């Protein structure tokens, strides 16, 4: 699959180190090599959304949108936030905006 990153996601990854950074990089590699969304470990479509998914990475949650383009599938990583921040009203509002 094709992968794209938002500025917010890239900044969050830049702040990570050690095991957390390694886990995120492993997930990115897994997504690149996946043939379909169902091949991604710990990937769940969020209830009430059409194209927003989350991947559990230890204490972090990576939120992304999945759109099928004419030629290839594209996974667009939007947010990487800690589990405590993942389900706040602020993040929920941003995800709803992306899903429209």
N, C-alpha and C. Protein backbone atom coordinates (compact mmCIF):
# COMPACT_ATOMS: atom_id res chain seq x y z
N UNK A 1 0.83 -1.18 0.00
CA UNK A 1 0.00 0.00 0.00
C UNK A 1 0.87 1.24 0.00
N UNK A 2 0.32 2.32 -0.52
CA UNK A 2 0.99 3.61 -0.44
C UNK A 2 0.75 4.19 0.95
N UNK A 3 1.72 4.96 1.43
CA UNK A 3 1.59 5.58 2.74
C UNK A 3 1.91 7.06 2.62
N UNK A 4 1.11 7.87 3.30
CA UNK A 4 1.35 9.31 3.41
C UNK A 4 1.26 9.67 4.88
N UNK A 5 1.95 10.75 5.26
CA UNK A 5 1.97 11.19 6.66
C UNK A 5 1.57 12.66 6.76
N UNK A 6 0.77 12.98 7.76
CA UNK A 6 0.45 14.37 8.02
C UNK A 6 1.60 15.00 8.80
N UNK A 7 1.63 16.30 8.83
CA UNK A 7 2.66 17.02 9.58
C UNK A 7 2.56 16.68 11.08
N UNK A 8 1.34 16.59 11.57
CA UNK A 8 1.11 16.26 12.97
C UNK A 8 1.67 14.88 13.33
N UNK A 9 1.42 13.90 12.46
CA UNK A 9 1.91 12.55 12.70
C UNK A 9 3.44 12.53 12.69
N UNK A 10 4.04 13.19 11.72
CA UNK A 10 5.51 13.23 11.61
C UNK A 10 6.15 13.87 12.84
N UNK A 11 5.54 14.94 13.33
CA UNK A 11 6.07 15.61 14.54
C UNK A 11 6.01 14.68 15.75
N UNK A 12 4.90 13.97 15.88
CA UNK A 12 4.74 13.05 17.01
C UNK A 12 5.77 11.93 16.95
N UNK A 13 6.04 11.41 15.76
CA UNK A 13 7.03 10.34 15.60
C UNK A 13 8.42 10.87 15.93
N UNK A 14 8.72 12.09 15.52
CA UNK A 14 10.03 12.69 15.80
C UNK A 14 10.31 12.81 17.30
N UNK A 15 9.27 12.90 18.11
CA UNK A 15 9.43 13.04 19.57
C UNK A 15 9.67 11.69 20.26
N UNK A 16 9.43 10.59 19.56
CA UNK A 16 9.58 9.27 20.16
C UNK A 16 11.04 8.82 20.14
N UNK A 17 11.33 7.87 21.00
CA UNK A 17 12.67 7.26 20.99
C UNK A 17 12.57 5.83 21.49
N UNK A 18 13.65 5.11 21.31
CA UNK A 18 13.76 3.75 21.83
C UNK A 18 12.71 2.80 21.31
N UNK A 19 12.14 2.04 22.24
CA UNK A 19 11.19 0.98 21.90
C UNK A 19 9.94 1.53 21.21
N UNK A 20 9.46 2.70 21.66
CA UNK A 20 8.26 3.28 21.07
C UNK A 20 8.48 3.63 19.60
N UNK A 21 9.61 4.23 19.31
CA UNK A 21 9.93 4.59 17.93
C UNK A 21 10.06 3.33 17.08
N UNK A 22 10.73 2.33 17.61
CA UNK A 22 10.87 1.06 16.89
C UNK A 22 9.54 0.42 16.59
N UNK A 23 8.61 0.47 17.55
CA UNK A 23 7.28 -0.11 17.34
C UNK A 23 6.52 0.61 16.25
N UNK A 24 6.61 1.95 16.23
CA UNK A 24 5.91 2.72 15.20
C UNK A 24 6.50 2.41 13.83
N UNK A 25 7.81 2.35 13.74
CA UNK A 25 8.46 2.05 12.46
C UNK A 25 8.10 0.65 11.97
N UNK A 26 7.98 -0.31 12.91
CA UNK A 26 7.56 -1.67 12.54
C UNK A 26 6.15 -1.67 11.96
N UNK A 27 5.25 -0.89 12.58
CA UNK A 27 3.87 -0.81 12.09
C UNK A 27 3.83 -0.19 10.69
N UNK A 28 4.64 0.84 10.48
CA UNK A 28 4.68 1.49 9.16
C UNK A 28 5.14 0.50 8.10
N UNK A 29 6.17 -0.29 8.43
CA UNK A 29 6.64 -1.32 7.49
C UNK A 29 5.55 -2.34 7.21
N UNK A 30 4.84 -2.74 8.26
CA UNK A 30 3.77 -3.73 8.10
C UNK A 30 2.66 -3.19 7.19
N UNK A 31 2.30 -1.92 7.37
CA UNK A 31 1.25 -1.32 6.55
C UNK A 31 1.70 -1.24 5.09
N UNK A 32 2.97 -0.88 4.87
CA UNK A 32 3.48 -0.81 3.49
C UNK A 32 3.38 -2.16 2.78
N UNK A 33 3.66 -3.22 3.51
CA UNK A 33 3.68 -4.54 2.88
C UNK A 33 2.31 -5.22 2.87
N UNK A 34 1.32 -4.66 3.57
CA UNK A 34 -0.01 -5.26 3.62
C UNK A 34 -0.71 -5.15 2.28
N UNK A 35 -1.42 -6.19 1.93
CA UNK A 35 -2.18 -6.17 0.67
C UNK A 35 -3.55 -5.54 0.87
N UNK A 36 -4.04 -5.59 2.10
CA UNK A 36 -5.36 -5.02 2.40
C UNK A 36 -5.41 -4.57 3.85
N UNK A 37 -6.41 -3.81 4.18
CA UNK A 37 -6.56 -3.27 5.52
C UNK A 37 -6.69 -4.39 6.55
N UNK A 38 -7.25 -5.53 6.14
CA UNK A 38 -7.44 -6.65 7.06
C UNK A 38 -6.13 -7.35 7.41
N UNK A 39 -5.06 -7.06 6.68
CA UNK A 39 -3.76 -7.68 6.94
C UNK A 39 -2.93 -6.92 7.98
N UNK A 40 -3.45 -5.81 8.51
CA UNK A 40 -2.71 -4.99 9.46
C UNK A 40 -3.08 -5.40 10.88
N UNK A 41 -2.08 -5.76 11.68
CA UNK A 41 -2.28 -6.20 13.06
C UNK A 41 -2.83 -5.07 13.92
N UNK A 42 -3.79 -5.38 14.80
CA UNK A 42 -4.38 -4.43 15.73
C UNK A 42 -4.98 -3.21 15.05
N UNK A 43 -5.51 -3.39 13.86
CA UNK A 43 -6.13 -2.31 13.11
C UNK A 43 -7.65 -2.44 13.22
N UNK A 44 -8.31 -1.37 13.62
CA UNK A 44 -9.75 -1.39 13.80
C UNK A 44 -10.37 -0.13 13.21
N UNK A 45 -11.45 -0.30 12.46
CA UNK A 45 -12.19 0.87 12.00
C UNK A 45 -12.97 1.42 13.17
N UNK A 46 -12.93 2.74 13.37
CA UNK A 46 -13.63 3.35 14.48
C UNK A 46 -15.13 3.33 14.22
N UNK A 47 -15.89 3.00 15.26
CA UNK A 47 -17.34 2.94 15.16
C UNK A 47 -17.86 4.35 14.86
N UNK A 48 -18.74 4.44 13.88
CA UNK A 48 -19.34 5.72 13.53
C UNK A 48 -18.56 6.49 12.46
N UNK A 49 -17.48 5.90 11.94
CA UNK A 49 -16.67 6.54 10.91
C UNK A 49 -16.64 5.65 9.68
N UNK A 50 -16.47 6.26 8.52
CA UNK A 50 -16.42 5.50 7.28
C UNK A 50 -15.01 5.11 6.90
N UNK A 51 -14.06 6.03 7.07
CA UNK A 51 -12.70 5.77 6.57
C UNK A 51 -11.61 6.03 7.60
N UNK A 52 -11.97 6.13 8.89
CA UNK A 52 -10.98 6.39 9.94
C UNK A 52 -10.72 5.10 10.72
N UNK A 53 -9.44 4.77 10.85
CA UNK A 53 -9.01 3.56 11.54
C UNK A 53 -8.01 3.92 12.62
N UNK A 54 -7.78 2.99 13.54
CA UNK A 54 -6.73 3.17 14.52
C UNK A 54 -5.92 1.89 14.62
N UNK A 55 -4.64 2.08 14.91
CA UNK A 55 -3.74 0.95 15.17
C UNK A 55 -3.20 1.12 16.57
N UNK A 56 -3.30 0.07 17.36
CA UNK A 56 -2.76 0.11 18.71
C UNK A 56 -1.28 -0.20 18.65
N UNK A 57 -0.47 0.71 19.24
CA UNK A 57 0.98 0.53 19.28
C UNK A 57 1.40 0.76 20.72
N UNK A 58 1.33 -0.28 21.54
CA UNK A 58 1.64 -0.13 22.96
C UNK A 58 0.69 0.86 23.61
N UNK A 59 1.24 1.91 24.23
CA UNK A 59 0.42 2.93 24.87
C UNK A 59 0.02 4.05 23.92
N UNK A 60 0.30 3.88 22.64
CA UNK A 60 -0.03 4.90 21.65
C UNK A 60 -1.10 4.38 20.70
N UNK A 61 -1.80 5.32 20.08
CA UNK A 61 -2.78 4.99 19.06
C UNK A 61 -2.46 5.81 17.82
N UNK A 62 -2.34 5.14 16.70
CA UNK A 62 -2.13 5.82 15.42
C UNK A 62 -3.47 5.86 14.71
N UNK A 63 -3.93 7.05 14.37
CA UNK A 63 -5.18 7.20 13.64
C UNK A 63 -4.85 7.51 12.19
N UNK A 64 -5.56 6.87 11.29
CA UNK A 64 -5.32 7.14 9.88
C UNK A 64 -6.61 7.04 9.09
N UNK A 65 -6.59 7.65 7.93
CA UNK A 65 -7.71 7.51 7.01
C UNK A 65 -7.27 6.59 5.89
N UNK A 66 -8.19 5.83 5.37
CA UNK A 66 -7.90 4.88 4.31
C UNK A 66 -8.80 5.20 3.13
N UNK A 67 -8.18 5.54 2.02
CA UNK A 67 -8.93 5.86 0.81
C UNK A 67 -8.39 5.02 -0.33
N UNK A 68 -9.26 4.59 -1.18
CA UNK A 68 -8.83 3.84 -2.36
C UNK A 68 -8.72 4.83 -3.51
N UNK A 69 -7.51 4.98 -4.03
CA UNK A 69 -7.31 5.82 -5.19
C UNK A 69 -7.47 4.96 -6.44
N UNK A 70 -7.46 5.58 -7.57
CA UNK A 70 -7.70 4.86 -8.83
C UNK A 70 -6.69 3.74 -9.05
N UNK A 71 -5.42 3.99 -8.74
CA UNK A 71 -4.38 3.02 -9.02
C UNK A 71 -4.05 2.14 -7.81
N UNK A 72 -3.83 2.75 -6.65
CA UNK A 72 -3.39 2.02 -5.48
C UNK A 72 -4.19 2.40 -4.24
N UNK A 73 -4.09 1.56 -3.22
CA UNK A 73 -4.65 1.87 -1.92
C UNK A 73 -3.70 2.84 -1.23
N UNK A 74 -4.27 3.82 -0.51
CA UNK A 74 -3.44 4.80 0.20
C UNK A 74 -3.85 4.84 1.65
N UNK A 75 -2.87 4.70 2.55
CA UNK A 75 -3.08 4.87 3.97
C UNK A 75 -2.44 6.21 4.34
N UNK A 76 -3.26 7.11 4.89
CA UNK A 76 -2.78 8.44 5.24
C UNK A 76 -2.78 8.54 6.76
N UNK A 77 -1.59 8.42 7.38
CA UNK A 77 -1.47 8.53 8.83
C UNK A 77 -1.67 9.98 9.23
N UNK A 78 -2.66 10.23 10.09
CA UNK A 78 -3.02 11.59 10.48
C UNK A 78 -2.50 11.96 11.87
N UNK A 79 -2.73 11.10 12.85
CA UNK A 79 -2.39 11.43 14.24
C UNK A 79 -1.71 10.25 14.91
N UNK A 80 -0.78 10.57 15.81
CA UNK A 80 -0.19 9.59 16.71
C UNK A 80 -0.27 10.21 18.09
N UNK A 81 -1.13 9.66 18.93
CA UNK A 81 -1.34 10.24 20.26
C UNK A 81 -1.30 9.13 21.30
N UNK A 82 -1.05 9.52 22.54
CA UNK A 82 -1.04 8.54 23.62
C UNK A 82 -2.45 8.03 23.84
N UNK A 83 -2.55 6.90 24.48
CA UNK A 83 -3.85 6.26 24.71
C UNK A 83 -4.78 7.19 25.48
N UNK A 84 -4.23 7.92 26.45
CA UNK A 84 -5.04 8.84 27.25
C UNK A 84 -5.62 9.98 26.42
N UNK A 85 -4.90 10.43 25.42
CA UNK A 85 -5.37 11.52 24.56
C UNK A 85 -6.24 11.02 23.41
N UNK A 86 -6.15 9.75 23.10
CA UNK A 86 -6.74 9.21 21.88
C UNK A 86 -8.25 9.41 21.79
N UNK A 87 -8.93 9.38 22.90
CA UNK A 87 -10.39 9.41 22.84
C UNK A 87 -10.96 10.66 23.49
N UNK A 88 -10.19 11.76 23.46
CA UNK A 88 -10.67 13.03 23.99
C UNK A 88 -11.58 13.70 22.96
N UNK A 89 -12.33 14.68 23.41
CA UNK A 89 -13.25 15.41 22.53
C UNK A 89 -12.49 16.10 21.40
N UNK A 90 -11.30 16.63 21.69
CA UNK A 90 -10.51 17.34 20.69
C UNK A 90 -10.13 16.40 19.53
N UNK A 91 -9.61 15.23 19.87
CA UNK A 91 -9.23 14.26 18.82
C UNK A 91 -10.46 13.76 18.10
N UNK A 92 -11.52 13.51 18.83
CA UNK A 92 -12.77 13.03 18.21
C UNK A 92 -13.29 14.06 17.20
N UNK A 93 -13.23 15.33 17.55
CA UNK A 93 -13.69 16.40 16.66
C UNK A 93 -12.84 16.43 15.37
N UNK A 94 -11.53 16.29 15.51
CA UNK A 94 -10.65 16.29 14.34
C UNK A 94 -10.92 15.08 13.44
N UNK A 95 -11.14 13.92 14.05
CA UNK A 95 -11.40 12.71 13.27
C UNK A 95 -12.73 12.81 12.52
N UNK A 96 -13.74 13.40 13.16
CA UNK A 96 -15.04 13.59 12.50
C UNK A 96 -14.88 14.49 11.28
N UNK A 97 -14.05 15.54 11.43
CA UNK A 97 -13.79 16.46 10.33
C UNK A 97 -13.14 15.73 9.16
N UNK A 98 -12.21 14.83 9.46
CA UNK A 98 -11.51 14.08 8.42
C UNK A 98 -12.41 13.09 7.70
N UNK A 99 -13.41 12.59 8.39
CA UNK A 99 -14.25 11.52 7.86
C UNK A 99 -15.31 12.03 6.88
N UNK A 100 -15.53 13.32 6.86
CA UNK A 100 -16.56 13.88 5.96
C UNK A 100 -16.18 13.83 4.52
